[in-house]
Amino acid sequence: MIKNIVFDIGNVLADFRWEGFLADKGFDGAMVERIGKASVNSSFWHEFDRGIMSFDEIFNGFVSNDPEIEKELHKAFDDFKGIVTKRDYSIPWIESIKAAGYKVFYLSNYPERIYNDCREALDFTDHCNGGILSFMEKKVKPDHEFYRLLTDRYGLIPEECIFMDDLEANVKAATECGFNAFVFTDKKSAEESLKKLGVMI
């Protein structure tokens, strides 16, 4: 019996709009792609989510990936305001799930710098029954221990939970940990997937 719905945050309950964020700072498409390759799409971003390394160490890692664009990287990441923005449906969706008798949690890879610069994008977290952000615990998806931390902290049984994430690797790990899980593409499809798993909202 399903009792709990567990959400990822980026590109599920909020937009992780790094390409638009960089375009807003004046970079053309080619440079957006180049900056992304050196940063968001590099292993250093995963460590940024984990929160063990300092931001200076993370930034130096970005630079080491493409030293020729150090100036552009400084401009890109002097602040992170606007890189994550809220989705209007998040709070109503969470409230409708809770009204149907389920508890709602979040489990997300999330860096401290973005948390501090984009607080308003996470206003839906106050409507959840609980949740965990990676930088606070120094753990990240798809590490199994991150999922177990959620279940242990809130006394959840994985088989009674549905987890959704926009990344296949994170969904696969959740399944390996005993969760019911599916890849999130959009709200309508997610609602259909929830219905197939017996969740009526």
Protein backbone atom coordinates (compact mmCIF):
# COMPACT_ATOMS: atom_id res chain seq x y z
CA MET A 1 0.00 0.00 0.00
CA ILE A 2 1.41 3.36 -1.03
CA LYS A 3 1.58 5.90 1.77
CA ASN A 4 4.29 8.35 0.70
CA ILE A 5 5.21 10.33 -2.41
CA VAL A 6 8.87 11.37 -2.67
CA PHE A 7 9.85 14.10 -5.13
CA ASP A 8 13.12 15.16 -6.64
CA ILE A 9 13.25 18.97 -6.90
CA GLY A 10 15.16 20.12 -9.99
CA ASN A 11 13.02 19.90 -13.13
CA VAL A 12 10.25 18.26 -11.12
CA LEU A 13 8.99 20.75 -8.50
CA ALA A 14 11.23 23.61 -9.65
CA ASP A 15 13.04 24.53 -12.85
CA PHE A 16 16.80 24.04 -12.93
CA ARG A 17 17.22 26.45 -15.83
CA TRP A 18 20.99 26.70 -16.06
CA GLU A 19 21.00 27.34 -19.81
CA GLY A 20 18.51 30.21 -19.53
CA PHE A 21 20.41 31.49 -16.50
CA LEU A 22 23.62 31.71 -18.53
CA ALA A 23 21.81 33.26 -21.50
CA ASP A 24 20.39 35.88 -19.12
CA LYS A 25 23.99 36.79 -18.26
CA GLY A 26 24.69 37.56 -21.90
CA PHE A 27 26.37 34.40 -23.14
CA ASP A 28 25.60 33.12 -26.64
CA GLY A 29 24.59 29.54 -27.34
CA ALA A 30 28.11 28.29 -28.03
CA MET A 31 29.47 29.76 -24.81
CA VAL A 32 26.50 28.47 -22.80
CA GLU A 33 27.33 24.98 -24.04
CA ARG A 34 31.02 25.44 -23.28
CA ILE A 35 30.39 26.74 -19.76
CA GLY A 36 27.96 23.92 -19.17
CA LYS A 37 30.51 21.33 -20.22
CA ALA A 38 33.06 22.78 -17.79
CA SER A 39 30.63 23.07 -14.90
CA VAL A 40 27.05 21.77 -14.76
CA ASN A 41 27.85 18.73 -16.89
CA SER A 42 31.11 17.88 -15.13
CA SER A 43 31.88 15.69 -12.14
CA PHE A 44 32.64 18.81 -10.11
CA TRP A 45 28.94 19.75 -10.13
CA HIS A 46 28.18 16.45 -8.43
CA GLU A 47 30.66 17.46 -5.73
CA PHE A 48 29.01 20.89 -5.61
CA ASP A 49 25.77 19.05 -4.74
CA ARG A 50 27.55 16.91 -2.15
CA GLY A 51 28.79 19.94 -0.23
CA ILE A 52 32.11 18.63 1.07
CA MET A 53 34.46 20.70 -1.10
CA SER A 54 34.57 24.49 -0.71
CA PHE A 55 33.13 26.59 -3.51
CA ASP A 56 36.63 27.83 -4.34
CA GLU A 57 37.70 24.21 -4.86
CA ILE A 58 34.64 23.55 -6.98
CA PHE A 59 35.19 26.69 -9.06
CA ASN A 60 38.86 25.83 -9.58
CA GLY A 61 37.65 22.47 -10.83
CA PHE A 62 35.43 24.20 -13.38
CA VAL A 63 38.40 26.29 -14.51
CA SER A 64 40.63 23.23 -14.77
CA ASN A 65 38.12 21.75 -17.22
CA ASP A 66 38.46 24.74 -19.58
CA PRO A 67 41.14 27.27 -18.47
CA GLU A 68 40.54 29.50 -21.49
CA ILE A 69 37.13 30.61 -20.19
CA GLU A 70 38.07 31.43 -16.58
CA LYS A 71 36.80 35.01 -17.00
CA GLU A 72 33.47 33.77 -18.36
CA LEU A 73 33.14 31.25 -15.53
CA HIS A 74 33.63 34.04 -12.99
CA LYS A 75 30.89 36.07 -14.66
CA ALA A 76 28.62 33.04 -14.87
CA PHE A 77 28.89 32.03 -11.24
CA ASP A 78 29.42 35.25 -9.33
CA ASP A 79 25.92 34.51 -8.04
CA PHE A 80 23.24 31.91 -8.73
CA LYS A 81 20.09 34.00 -8.51
CA GLY A 82 17.62 32.76 -11.10
CA ILE A 83 19.25 29.42 -11.86
CA VAL A 84 16.38 27.68 -10.04
CA THR A 85 12.85 29.05 -10.26
CA LYS A 86 9.55 27.88 -8.81
CA ARG A 87 6.87 26.01 -10.72
CA ASP A 88 3.37 27.30 -10.10
CA TYR A 89 1.85 23.85 -9.80
CA SER A 90 4.12 22.61 -7.00
CA ILE A 91 2.23 23.76 -3.92
CA PRO A 92 -1.27 22.94 -5.25
CA TRP A 93 -0.03 19.49 -6.34
CA ILE A 94 1.57 18.77 -2.98
CA GLU A 95 -1.54 19.90 -1.15
CA SER A 96 -3.80 17.75 -3.33
CA ILE A 97 -1.64 14.70 -2.64
CA LYS A 98 -1.75 15.37 1.09
CA ALA A 99 -5.53 15.93 0.96
CA ALA A 100 -5.85 12.46 -0.58
CA GLY A 101 -4.21 10.99 2.51
CA TYR A 102 -0.58 10.64 1.47
CA LYS A 103 2.56 12.15 2.96
CA VAL A 104 4.92 14.12 0.74
CA PHE A 105 8.72 14.25 0.98
CA TYR A 106 11.57 15.55 -1.15
CA LEU A 107 15.02 14.09 -1.79
CA SER A 108 17.25 16.26 -3.91
CA ASN A 109 20.83 16.89 -4.95
CA TYR A 110 21.12 20.57 -4.15
CA PRO A 111 24.15 22.86 -3.56
CA GLU A 112 24.32 25.29 -0.66
CA ARG A 113 25.10 28.30 -2.87
CA ILE A 114 21.97 27.75 -4.95
CA TYR A 115 19.92 27.10 -1.82
CA ASN A 116 20.98 30.48 -0.42
CA ASP A 117 20.54 32.42 -3.68
CA CYS A 118 17.21 30.88 -4.73
CA ARG A 119 15.33 30.42 -1.46
CA GLU A 120 12.01 31.58 -2.89
CA ALA A 121 12.08 28.76 -5.45
CA LEU A 122 11.78 26.25 -2.61
CA ASP A 123 8.74 27.72 -0.90
CA PHE A 124 6.92 24.44 -1.51
CA THR A 125 9.16 22.65 1.00
CA ASP A 126 7.14 24.17 3.85
CA HIS A 127 4.15 22.24 2.54
CA CYS A 128 5.94 18.87 2.61
CA ASN A 129 6.03 16.45 5.53
CA GLY A 130 9.81 16.41 5.36
CA GLY A 131 12.76 16.04 3.05
CA ILE A 132 16.51 16.10 2.60
CA LEU A 133 18.86 18.27 0.54
CA SER A 134 22.22 16.79 -0.36
CA PHE A 135 24.52 19.59 0.79
CA MET A 136 23.14 19.39 4.32
CA GLU A 137 23.99 15.70 4.64
CA LYS A 138 27.07 15.43 2.39
CA LYS A 139 25.39 12.65 0.44
CA VAL A 140 24.02 12.58 -3.10
CA LYS A 141 21.86 10.51 -5.40
CA PRO A 142 22.29 7.93 -6.80
CA ASP A 143 24.20 6.72 -3.71
CA HIS A 144 21.96 4.23 -1.95
CA GLU A 145 22.81 5.60 1.49
CA PHE A 146 21.13 8.89 0.59
CA TYR A 147 17.82 7.12 -0.01
CA ARG A 148 18.25 5.11 3.18
CA LEU A 149 18.87 8.31 5.10
CA LEU A 150 15.41 9.52 4.07
CA THR A 151 13.66 6.30 5.06
CA ASP A 152 15.55 6.03 8.35
CA ARG A 153 14.97 9.65 9.34
CA TYR A 154 11.24 9.60 8.71
CA GLY A 155 10.50 5.96 9.47
CA LEU A 156 9.43 5.18 5.92
CA ILE A 157 9.13 1.75 4.35
CA PRO A 158 10.52 1.93 0.78
CA GLU A 159 7.82 -0.36 -0.61
CA GLU A 160 5.22 2.11 0.66
CA CYS A 161 6.87 5.01 -1.20
CA ILE A 162 6.78 6.27 -4.77
CA PHE A 163 9.83 8.23 -5.89
CA MET A 164 10.03 10.38 -9.02
CA ASP A 165 13.10 12.03 -10.55
CA ASP A 166 13.98 13.42 -13.95
CA LEU A 167 17.18 11.33 -14.12
CA GLU A 168 17.07 7.63 -14.96
CA ALA A 169 20.12 6.82 -12.81
CA ASN A 170 18.43 8.22 -9.71
CA VAL A 171 15.22 6.31 -10.42
CA LYS A 172 17.18 3.09 -10.93
CA ALA A 173 18.93 3.56 -7.58
CA ALA A 174 15.61 4.21 -5.84
CA THR A 175 14.22 0.98 -7.30
CA GLU A 176 17.29 -0.88 -6.09
CA CYS A 177 16.56 0.50 -2.61
CA GLY A 178 13.01 -0.90 -2.71
CA PHE A 179 11.07 2.19 -3.77
CA ASN A 180 8.39 2.23 -6.43
CA ALA A 181 9.84 4.75 -8.87
CA PHE A 182 9.52 6.32 -12.29
CA VAL A 183 11.19 8.95 -14.44
CA PHE A 184 9.45 12.33 -14.31
CA THR A 185 8.92 14.07 -17.65
CA ASP A 186 5.92 16.30 -16.93
CA LYS A 187 3.14 16.63 -14.37
CA LYS A 188 0.42 15.06 -16.52
CA SER A 189 2.47 11.94 -17.24
CA ALA A 190 3.50 11.74 -13.58
CA GLU A 191 -0.13 11.80 -12.49
CA GLU A 192 -0.86 8.96 -14.90
CA SER A 193 2.07 6.98 -13.48
CA LEU A 194 0.83 7.60 -9.95
CA LYS A 195 -2.62 6.29 -10.90
CA LYS A 196 -1.07 3.13 -12.34
CA LEU A 197 0.61 2.61 -8.98
CA GLY A 198 -2.70 3.00 -7.18
CA VAL A 199 -2.46 6.63 -6.10
CA MET A 200 -5.76 8.40 -6.62
CA ILE A 201 -5.64 12.17 -6.22
